PDB file of all heavy atoms in Angstrom:
ATOM      1  N   LEU A   1    -139.310 170.667 -64.355  1.00  0.00           N
ATOM      2  CA  LEU A   1    -139.086 171.623 -63.273  1.00  0.00           C
ATOM      3  C   LEU A   1    -138.439 172.888 -63.812  1.00  0.00           C
ATOM      4  O   LEU A   1    -138.730 173.987 -63.357  1.00  0.00           O
ATOM      5  CB  LEU A   1    -138.194 171.013 -62.191  1.00  0.00           C
ATOM      6  CG  LEU A   1    -138.845 170.060 -61.193  1.00  0.00           C
ATOM      7  CD1 LEU A   1    -137.797 169.544 -60.213  1.00  0.00           C
ATOM      8  CD2 LEU A   1    -139.974 170.754 -60.443  1.00  0.00           C
ATOM      9  N   GLY A   2    -137.558 172.721 -64.786  1.00  0.00           N
ATOM     10  CA  GLY A   2    -136.906 173.879 -65.375  1.00  0.00           C
ATOM     11  C   GLY A   2    -137.880 174.780 -66.098  1.00  0.00           C
ATOM     12  O   GLY A   2    -137.718 175.999 -66.131  1.00  0.00           O
ATOM     13  N   GLN A   3    -138.913 174.195 -66.696  1.00  0.00           N
ATOM     14  CA  GLN A   3    -139.908 174.994 -67.411  1.00  0.00           C
ATOM     15  C   GLN A   3    -140.715 175.864 -66.458  1.00  0.00           C
ATOM     16  O   GLN A   3    -140.940 177.040 -66.715  1.00  0.00           O
ATOM     17  CB  GLN A   3    -140.841 174.066 -68.201  1.00  0.00           C
ATOM     18  CG  GLN A   3    -140.125 173.361 -69.347  1.00  0.00           C
ATOM     19  CD  GLN A   3    -140.984 172.302 -70.006  1.00  0.00           C
ATOM     20  OE1 GLN A   3    -140.570 171.671 -70.969  1.00  0.00           O
ATOM     21  NE2 GLN A   3    -142.178 172.091 -69.499  1.00  0.00           N
ATOM     22  N   SER A   4    -141.140 175.286 -65.324  1.00  0.00           N
ATOM     23  CA  SER A   4    -141.910 176.078 -64.368  1.00  0.00           C
ATOM     24  C   SER A   4    -141.037 177.129 -63.718  1.00  0.00           C
ATOM     25  O   SER A   4    -141.472 178.257 -63.465  1.00  0.00           O
ATOM     26  CB  SER A   4    -142.526 175.168 -63.301  1.00  0.00           C
ATOM     27  OG  SER A   4    -141.522 174.470 -62.580  1.00  0.00           O
ATOM     28  N   HIS A   5    -139.767 176.781 -63.461  1.00  0.00           N
ATOM     29  CA  HIS A   5    -138.825 177.735 -62.888  1.00  0.00           C
ATOM     30  C   HIS A   5    -138.589 178.892 -63.846  1.00  0.00           C
ATOM     31  O   HIS A   5    -138.610 180.064 -63.457  1.00  0.00           O
ATOM     32  CB  HIS A   5    -137.512 177.018 -62.589  1.00  0.00           C
ATOM     33  CG  HIS A   5    -136.393 177.920 -62.171  1.00  0.00           C
ATOM     34  ND1 HIS A   5    -136.533 178.851 -61.161  1.00  0.00           N
ATOM     35  CD2 HIS A   5    -135.119 178.032 -62.612  1.00  0.00           C
ATOM     36  CE1 HIS A   5    -135.382 179.500 -61.009  1.00  0.00           C
ATOM     37  NE2 HIS A   5    -134.520 179.018 -61.892  1.00  0.00           N
ATOM     38  N   HIS A   6    -138.402 178.568 -65.122  1.00  0.00           N
ATOM     39  CA  HIS A   6    -138.171 179.598 -66.136  1.00  0.00           C
ATOM     40  C   HIS A   6    -139.395 180.497 -66.271  1.00  0.00           C
ATOM     41  O   HIS A   6    -139.280 181.715 -66.381  1.00  0.00           O
ATOM     42  CB  HIS A   6    -137.854 178.940 -67.479  1.00  0.00           C
ATOM     43  CG  HIS A   6    -137.661 179.915 -68.594  1.00  0.00           C
ATOM     44  ND1 HIS A   6    -136.468 180.555 -68.812  1.00  0.00           N
ATOM     45  CD2 HIS A   6    -138.518 180.383 -69.543  1.00  0.00           C
ATOM     46  CE1 HIS A   6    -136.584 181.359 -69.855  1.00  0.00           C
ATOM     47  NE2 HIS A   6    -137.819 181.268 -70.314  1.00  0.00           N
ATOM     48  N   ALA A   7    -140.566 179.906 -66.232  1.00  0.00           N
ATOM     49  CA  ALA A   7    -141.792 180.686 -66.395  1.00  0.00           C
ATOM     50  C   ALA A   7    -141.979 181.675 -65.263  1.00  0.00           C
ATOM     51  O   ALA A   7    -142.387 182.820 -65.474  1.00  0.00           O
ATOM     52  CB  ALA A   7    -142.995 179.744 -66.473  1.00  0.00           C
ATOM     53  N   LYS A   8    -141.661 181.261 -64.043  1.00  0.00           N
ATOM     54  CA  LYS A   8    -141.860 182.134 -62.895  1.00  0.00           C
ATOM     55  C   LYS A   8    -140.851 183.268 -62.858  1.00  0.00           C
ATOM     56  O   LYS A   8    -141.171 184.392 -62.508  1.00  0.00           O
ATOM     57  CB  LYS A   8    -141.765 181.317 -61.596  1.00  0.00           C
ATOM     58  CG  LYS A   8    -142.972 180.415 -61.369  1.00  0.00           C
ATOM     59  CD  LYS A   8    -142.879 179.708 -60.024  1.00  0.00           C
ATOM     60  CE  LYS A   8    -144.112 178.852 -59.780  1.00  0.00           C
ATOM     61  NZ  LYS A   8    -144.064 178.178 -58.456  1.00  0.00           N
ATOM     62  N   GLU A   9    -139.581 182.955 -63.225  1.00  0.00           N
ATOM     63  CA  GLU A   9    -138.543 183.969 -63.109  1.00  0.00           C
ATOM     64  C   GLU A   9    -138.473 184.883 -64.335  1.00  0.00           C
ATOM     65  O   GLU A   9    -138.101 186.036 -64.238  1.00  0.00           O
ATOM     66  CB  GLU A   9    -137.183 183.302 -62.902  1.00  0.00           C
ATOM     67  CG  GLU A   9    -136.962 182.786 -61.502  1.00  0.00           C
ATOM     68  CD  GLU A   9    -135.483 182.655 -61.196  1.00  0.00           C
ATOM     69  OE1 GLU A   9    -134.719 182.307 -62.124  1.00  0.00           O
ATOM     70  OE2 GLU A   9    -135.096 182.914 -60.056  1.00  0.00           O
ATOM     71  N   LYS A  10    -138.841 184.343 -65.497  1.00  0.00           N
ATOM     72  CA  LYS A  10    -138.614 185.071 -66.732  1.00  0.00           C
ATOM     73  C   LYS A  10    -139.864 185.677 -67.348  1.00  0.00           C
ATOM     74  O   LYS A  10    -139.771 186.383 -68.336  1.00  0.00           O
ATOM     75  CB  LYS A  10    -137.964 184.134 -67.773  1.00  0.00           C
ATOM     76  CG  LYS A  10    -136.648 183.514 -67.331  1.00  0.00           C
ATOM     77  CD  LYS A  10    -135.589 184.562 -67.089  1.00  0.00           C
ATOM     78  CE  LYS A  10    -134.248 183.921 -66.764  1.00  0.00           C
ATOM     79  NZ  LYS A  10    -133.192 184.920 -66.490  1.00  0.00           N
ATOM     80  N   GLY A  11    -141.020 185.389 -66.781  1.00  0.00           N
ATOM     81  CA  GLY A  11    -142.260 185.869 -67.389  1.00  0.00           C
ATOM     82  C   GLY A  11    -142.285 187.369 -67.573  1.00  0.00           C
ATOM     83  O   GLY A  11    -142.509 187.881 -68.680  1.00  0.00           O
ATOM     84  N   ASP A  12    -142.007 188.087 -66.498  1.00  0.00           N
ATOM     85  CA  ASP A  12    -142.020 189.548 -66.584  1.00  0.00           C
ATOM     86  C   ASP A  12    -140.901 190.059 -67.484  1.00  0.00           C
ATOM     87  O   ASP A  12    -141.079 191.032 -68.233  1.00  0.00           O
ATOM     88  CB  ASP A  12    -141.880 190.155 -65.182  1.00  0.00           C
ATOM     89  CG  ASP A  12    -143.099 189.869 -64.313  1.00  0.00           C
ATOM     90  OD1 ASP A  12    -144.172 189.563 -64.882  1.00  0.00           O
ATOM     91  OD2 ASP A  12    -142.974 189.935 -63.077  1.00  0.00           O
ATOM     92  N   ALA A  13    -139.744 189.417 -67.425  1.00  0.00           N
ATOM     93  CA  ALA A  13    -138.616 189.845 -68.253  1.00  0.00           C
ATOM     94  C   ALA A  13    -138.926 189.662 -69.733  1.00  0.00           C
ATOM     95  O   ALA A  13    -138.564 190.496 -70.565  1.00  0.00           O
ATOM     96  CB  ALA A  13    -137.363 189.062 -67.868  1.00  0.00           C
ATOM     97  N   ASP A  14    -139.605 188.572 -70.070  1.00  0.00           N
ATOM     98  CA  ASP A  14    -139.960 188.338 -71.471  1.00  0.00           C
ATOM     99  C   ASP A  14    -140.947 189.388 -71.968  1.00  0.00           C
ATOM    100  O   ASP A  14    -140.856 189.849 -73.114  1.00  0.00           O
ATOM    101  CB  ASP A  14    -140.579 186.944 -71.624  1.00  0.00           C
ATOM    102  CG  ASP A  14    -139.540 185.844 -71.466  1.00  0.00           C
ATOM    103  OD1 ASP A  14    -138.345 186.163 -71.544  1.00  0.00           O
ATOM    104  OD2 ASP A  14    -139.935 184.685 -71.256  1.00  0.00           O
ATOM    105  N   ASP A  15    -141.891 189.771 -71.125  1.00  0.00           N
ATOM    106  CA  ASP A  15    -142.847 190.805 -71.511  1.00  0.00           C
ATOM    107  C   ASP A  15    -142.141 192.129 -71.767  1.00  0.00           C
ATOM    108  O   ASP A  15    -142.443 192.837 -72.737  1.00  0.00           O
ATOM    109  CB  ASP A  15    -143.906 190.983 -70.408  1.00  0.00           C
ATOM    110  CG  ASP A  15    -144.814 189.763 -70.294  1.00  0.00           C
ATOM    111  OD1 ASP A  15    -144.871 188.985 -71.254  1.00  0.00           O
ATOM    112  OD2 ASP A  15    -145.452 189.602 -69.232  1.00  0.00           O
ATOM    113  N   LEU A  16    -141.183 192.464 -70.901  1.00  0.00           N
ATOM    114  CA  LEU A  16    -140.446 193.708 -71.065  1.00  0.00           C
ATOM    115  C   LEU A  16    -139.601 193.674 -72.327  1.00  0.00           C
ATOM    116  O   LEU A  16    -139.529 194.654 -73.077  1.00  0.00           O
ATOM    117  CB  LEU A  16    -139.546 193.938 -69.844  1.00  0.00           C
ATOM    118  CG  LEU A  16    -138.651 195.186 -69.881  1.00  0.00           C
ATOM    119  CD1 LEU A  16    -139.508 196.434 -70.006  1.00  0.00           C
ATOM    120  CD2 LEU A  16    -137.778 195.247 -68.637  1.00  0.00           C
ATOM    121  N   GLU A  17    -138.968 192.527 -72.590  1.00  0.00           N
ATOM    122  CA  GLU A  17    -138.145 192.393 -73.795  1.00  0.00           C
ATOM    123  C   GLU A  17    -138.992 192.549 -75.056  1.00  0.00           C
ATOM    124  O   GLU A  17    -138.556 193.166 -76.031  1.00  0.00           O
ATOM    125  CB  GLU A  17    -137.455 191.034 -73.784  1.00  0.00           C
ATOM    126  CG  GLU A  17    -136.517 190.815 -74.966  1.00  0.00           C
ATOM    127  CD  GLU A  17    -135.820 189.467 -74.922  1.00  0.00           C
ATOM    128  OE1 GLU A  17    -135.988 188.766 -73.914  1.00  0.00           O
ATOM    129  OE2 GLU A  17    -135.122 189.148 -75.896  1.00  0.00           O
ATOM    130  N   ALA A  18    -140.205 192.003 -75.032  1.00  0.00           N
ATOM    131  CA  ALA A  18    -141.098 192.122 -76.182  1.00  0.00           C
ATOM    132  C   ALA A  18    -141.471 193.578 -76.439  1.00  0.00           C
ATOM    133  O   ALA A  18    -141.545 194.024 -77.589  1.00  0.00           O
ATOM    134  CB  ALA A  18    -142.355 191.282 -75.950  1.00  0.00           C
ATOM    135  N   GLU A  19    -141.695 194.329 -75.366  1.00  0.00           N
ATOM    136  CA  GLU A  19    -142.033 195.740 -75.512  1.00  0.00           C
ATOM    137  C   GLU A  19    -140.865 196.532 -76.100  1.00  0.00           C
ATOM    138  O   GLU A  19    -141.055 197.409 -76.952  1.00  0.00           O
ATOM    139  CB  GLU A  19    -142.425 196.319 -74.153  1.00  0.00           C
ATOM    140  CG  GLU A  19    -143.724 195.749 -73.589  1.00  0.00           C
ATOM    141  CD  GLU A  19    -144.052 196.333 -72.231  1.00  0.00           C
ATOM    142  OE1 GLU A  19    -143.307 197.229 -71.784  1.00  0.00           O
ATOM    143  OE2 GLU A  19    -145.039 195.897 -71.613  1.00  0.00           O
ATOM    144  N   ILE A  20    -139.658 196.200 -75.652  1.00  0.00           N
ATOM    145  CA  ILE A  20    -138.474 196.908 -76.158  1.00  0.00           C
ATOM    146  C   ILE A  20    -138.265 196.603 -77.638  1.00  0.00           C
ATOM    147  O   ILE A  20    -137.986 197.507 -78.442  1.00  0.00           O
ATOM    148  CB  ILE A  20    -137.232 196.504 -75.346  1.00  0.00           C
ATOM    149  CG1 ILE A  20    -137.373 196.985 -73.895  1.00  0.00           C
ATOM    150  CG2 ILE A  20    -135.968 197.071 -75.976  1.00  0.00           C
ATOM    151  CD1 ILE A  20    -136.245 196.526 -73.001  1.00  0.00           C
ATOM    152  N   GLU A  21    -138.414 195.332 -78.014  1.00  0.00           N
ATOM    153  CA  GLU A  21    -138.245 194.961 -79.414  1.00  0.00           C
ATOM    154  C   GLU A  21    -139.285 195.629 -80.304  1.00  0.00           C
ATOM    155  O   GLU A  21    -138.990 196.058 -81.422  1.00  0.00           O
ATOM    156  CB  GLU A  21    -138.332 193.443 -79.548  1.00  0.00           C
ATOM    157  CG  GLU A  21    -137.144 192.703 -78.956  1.00  0.00           C
ATOM    158  CD  GLU A  21    -137.287 191.199 -79.083  1.00  0.00           C
ATOM    159  OE1 GLU A  21    -138.368 190.757 -79.514  1.00  0.00           O
ATOM    160  OE2 GLU A  21    -136.321 190.482 -78.770  1.00  0.00           O
ATOM    161  N   ALA A  22    -140.509 195.719 -79.796  1.00  0.00           N
ATOM    162  CA  ALA A  22    -141.574 196.358 -80.570  1.00  0.00           C
ATOM    163  C   ALA A  22    -141.269 197.832 -80.796  1.00  0.00           C
ATOM    164  O   ALA A  22    -141.586 198.398 -81.846  1.00  0.00           O
ATOM    165  CB  ALA A  22    -142.915 196.190 -79.859  1.00  0.00           C
ATOM    166  N   ALA A  23    -140.637 198.461 -79.810  1.00  0.00           N
ATOM    167  CA  ALA A  23    -140.312 199.878 -79.931  1.00  0.00           C
ATOM    168  C   ALA A  23    -139.130 200.118 -80.865  1.00  0.00           C
ATOM    169  O   ALA A  23    -139.018 201.177 -81.476  1.00  0.00           O
ATOM    170  CB  ALA A  23    -140.000 200.459 -78.546  1.00  0.00           C
ATOM    171  N   GLN A  24    -138.245 199.126 -81.002  1.00  0.00           N
ATOM    172  CA  GLN A  24    -137.041 199.296 -81.805  1.00  0.00           C
ATOM    173  C   GLN A  24    -137.201 198.791 -83.238  1.00  0.00           C
ATOM    174  O   GLN A  24    -136.410 199.146 -84.097  1.00  0.00           O
ATOM    175  CB  GLN A  24    -135.875 198.554 -81.135  1.00  0.00           C
ATOM    176  CG  GLN A  24    -135.479 199.127 -79.783  1.00  0.00           C
ATOM    177  CD  GLN A  24    -134.389 198.314 -79.110  1.00  0.00           C
ATOM    178  OE1 GLN A  24    -134.197 197.144 -79.443  1.00  0.00           O
ATOM    179  NE2 GLN A  24    -133.683 198.925 -78.173  1.00  0.00           N
ATOM    180  N   TRP A  25    -138.189 197.981 -83.491  1.00  0.00           N
ATOM    181  CA  TRP A  25    -138.322 197.350 -84.802  1.00  0.00           C
ATOM    182  C   TRP A  25    -139.771 197.408 -85.246  1.00  0.00           C
ATOM    183  O   TRP A  25    -140.673 196.955 -84.549  1.00  0.00           O
ATOM    184  CB  TRP A  25    -137.855 195.901 -84.714  1.00  0.00           C
ATOM    185  CG  TRP A  25    -138.071 195.094 -85.963  1.00  0.00           C
ATOM    186  CD1 TRP A  25    -139.027 194.161 -86.184  1.00  0.00           C
ATOM    187  CD2 TRP A  25    -137.304 195.156 -87.168  1.00  0.00           C
ATOM    188  NE1 TRP A  25    -138.919 193.643 -87.446  1.00  0.00           N
ATOM    189  CE2 TRP A  25    -137.858 194.226 -88.080  1.00  0.00           C
ATOM    190  CE3 TRP A  25    -136.199 195.918 -87.570  1.00  0.00           C
ATOM    191  CZ2 TRP A  25    -137.350 194.034 -89.353  1.00  0.00           C
ATOM    192  CZ3 TRP A  25    -135.692 195.710 -88.841  1.00  0.00           C
ATOM    193  CH2 TRP A  25    -136.249 194.796 -89.718  1.00  0.00           C
ATOM    194  N   ASP A  26    -140.007 197.998 -86.431  1.00  0.00           N
ATOM    195  CA  ASP A  26    -141.379 198.118 -86.913  1.00  0.00           C
ATOM    196  C   ASP A  26    -141.663 197.165 -88.074  1.00  0.00           C
ATOM    197  O   ASP A  26    -142.721 197.231 -88.707  1.00  0.00           O
ATOM    198  CB  ASP A  26    -141.666 199.558 -87.349  1.00  0.00           C
ATOM    199  CG  ASP A  26    -140.674 200.054 -88.401  1.00  0.00           C
ATOM    200  OD1 ASP A  26    -139.806 199.258 -88.822  1.00  0.00           O
ATOM    201  OD2 ASP A  26    -140.784 201.232 -88.785  1.00  0.00           O
ATOM    202  N   GLY A  27    -140.720 196.273 -88.358  1.00  0.00           N
ATOM    203  CA  GLY A  27    -140.918 195.295 -89.412  1.00  0.00           C
ATOM    204  C   GLY A  27    -141.627 194.048 -88.904  1.00  0.00           C
ATOM    205  O   GLY A  27    -142.020 193.941 -87.741  1.00  0.00           O
ATOM    206  N   ALA A  28    -141.765 193.081 -89.800  1.00  0.00           N
ATOM    207  CA  ALA A  28    -142.430 191.829 -89.426  1.00  0.00           C
ATOM    208  C   ALA A  28    -141.515 190.993 -88.530  1.00  0.00           C
ATOM    209  O   ALA A  28    -140.291 191.019 -88.674  1.00  0.00           O
ATOM    210  CB  ALA A  28    -142.802 191.041 -90.674  1.00  0.00           C
ATOM    211  N   THR A  29    -142.106 190.295 -87.603  1.00  0.00           N
ATOM    212  CA  THR A  29    -141.353 189.416 -86.700  1.00  0.00           C
ATOM    213  C   THR A  29    -141.900 187.996 -86.783  1.00  0.00           C
ATOM    214  O   THR A  29    -143.075 187.782 -87.104  1.00  0.00           O
ATOM    215  CB  THR A  29    -141.455 189.899 -85.244  1.00  0.00           C
ATOM    216  OG1 THR A  29    -142.823 189.900 -84.833  1.00  0.00           O
ATOM    217  CG2 THR A  29    -140.876 191.294 -85.097  1.00  0.00           C
ATOM    218  N   GLU A  30    -141.042 187.043 -86.511  1.00  0.00           N
ATOM    219  CA  GLU A  30    -141.435 185.639 -86.520  1.00  0.00           C
ATOM    220  C   GLU A  30    -140.874 184.972 -85.277  1.00  0.00           C
ATOM    221  O   GLU A  30    -139.687 185.098 -84.973  1.00  0.00           O
ATOM    222  CB  GLU A  30    -140.904 184.938 -87.773  1.00  0.00           C
ATOM    223  CG  GLU A  30    -141.356 183.490 -87.911  1.00  0.00           C
ATOM    224  CD  GLU A  30    -140.898 182.882 -89.215  1.00  0.00           C
ATOM    225  OE1 GLU A  30    -140.575 183.670 -90.145  1.00  0.00           O
ATOM    226  OE2 GLU A  30    -140.852 181.643 -89.309  1.00  0.00           O
ATOM    227  N   VAL A  31    -141.720 184.296 -84.521  1.00  0.00           N
ATOM    228  CA  VAL A  31    -141.323 183.690 -83.246  1.00  0.00           C
ATOM    229  C   VAL A  31    -141.220 182.175 -83.403  1.00  0.00           C
ATOM    230  O   VAL A  31    -142.130 181.533 -83.920  1.00  0.00           O
ATOM    231  CB  VAL A  31    -142.346 184.023 -82.133  1.00  0.00           C
ATOM    232  CG1 VAL A  31    -141.945 183.333 -80.828  1.00  0.00           C
ATOM    233  CG2 VAL A  31    -142.445 185.532 -81.938  1.00  0.00           C
ATOM    234  N   HIS A  32    -140.097 181.616 -82.967  1.00  0.00           N
ATOM    235  CA  HIS A  32    -139.892 180.166 -82.963  1.00  0.00           C
ATOM    236  C   HIS A  32    -139.748 179.726 -81.507  1.00  0.00           C
ATOM    237  O   HIS A  32    -138.895 180.238 -80.790  1.00  0.00           O
ATOM    238  CB  HIS A  32    -138.629 179.793 -83.751  1.00  0.00           C
ATOM    239  CG  HIS A  32    -138.722 180.135 -85.208  1.00  0.00           C
ATOM    240  ND1 HIS A  32    -139.177 179.242 -86.141  1.00  0.00           N
ATOM    241  CD2 HIS A  32    -138.420 181.289 -85.880  1.00  0.00           C
ATOM    242  CE1 HIS A  32    -139.151 179.822 -87.345  1.00  0.00           C
ATOM    243  NE2 HIS A  32    -138.690 181.064 -87.197  1.00  0.00           N
ATOM    244  N   ARG A  33    -140.571 178.793 -81.087  1.00  0.00           N
ATOM    245  CA  ARG A  33    -140.525 178.315 -79.707  1.00  0.00           C
ATOM    246  C   ARG A  33    -140.285 176.809 -79.673  1.00  0.00           C
ATOM    247  O   ARG A  33    -140.840 176.067 -80.478  1.00  0.00           O
ATOM    248  CB  ARG A  33    -141.834 178.626 -78.973  1.00  0.00           C
ATOM    249  CG  ARG A  33    -142.117 180.117 -78.828  1.00  0.00           C
ATOM    250  CD  ARG A  33    -143.346 180.360 -77.961  1.00  0.00           C
ATOM    251  NE  ARG A  33    -143.672 181.760 -77.877  1.00  0.00           N
ATOM    252  CZ  ARG A  33    -143.119 182.634 -77.041  1.00  0.00           C
ATOM    253  NH1 ARG A  33    -142.212 182.183 -76.177  1.00  0.00           N
ATOM    254  NH2 ARG A  33    -143.461 183.888 -77.035  1.00  0.00           N
ATOM    255  N   GLN A  34    -139.439 176.411 -78.746  1.00  0.00           N
ATOM    256  CA  GLN A  34    -139.212 174.983 -78.550  1.00  0.00           C
ATOM    257  C   GLN A  34    -140.426 174.365 -77.874  1.00  0.00           C
ATOM    258  O   GLN A  34    -141.016 174.956 -76.969  1.00  0.00           O
ATOM    259  CB  GLN A  34    -137.969 174.769 -77.683  1.00  0.00           C
ATOM    260  CG  GLN A  34    -137.618 173.305 -77.476  1.00  0.00           C
ATOM    261  CD  GLN A  34    -136.366 173.166 -76.626  1.00  0.00           C
ATOM    262  OE1 GLN A  34    -135.847 174.146 -76.105  1.00  0.00           O
ATOM    263  NE2 GLN A  34    -135.878 171.946 -76.490  1.00  0.00           N
ATOM    264  N   MET A  35    -140.804 173.173 -78.297  1.00  0.00           N
ATOM    265  CA  MET A  35    -141.925 172.496 -77.683  1.00  0.00           C
ATOM    266  C   MET A  35    -141.619 172.200 -76.224  1.00  0.00           C
ATOM    267  O   MET A  35    -140.517 171.749 -75.892  1.00  0.00           O
ATOM    268  CB  MET A  35    -142.220 171.193 -78.423  1.00  0.00           C
ATOM    269  CG  MET A  35    -142.762 171.396 -79.829  1.00  0.00           C
ATOM    270  SD  MET A  35    -144.368 172.227 -79.837  1.00  0.00           S
ATOM    271  CE  MET A  35    -145.371 170.949 -79.056  1.00  0.00           C
ATOM    272  N   PRO A  36    -142.559 172.473 -75.323  1.00  0.00           N
ATOM    273  CA  PRO A  36    -142.306 172.199 -73.904  1.00  0.00           C
ATOM    274  C   PRO A  36    -142.134 170.711 -73.653  1.00  0.00           C
ATOM    275  O   PRO A  36    -142.717 169.873 -74.343  1.00  0.00           O
ATOM    276  CB  PRO A  36    -143.560 172.743 -73.204  1.00  0.00           C
ATOM    277  CG  PRO A  36    -144.623 172.716 -74.256  1.00  0.00           C
ATOM    278  CD  PRO A  36    -143.917 173.011 -75.557  1.00  0.00           C
TER     279      PRO A  36
END
């Protein structure tokens, strides 16, 4: 339930955060995600 709740509330925020990071950092990035 927490995963679906997080996805609904944070989806747009995560997209915005990704855009901000892309604008501030032009180096290589590596994403680590916890398995659902």
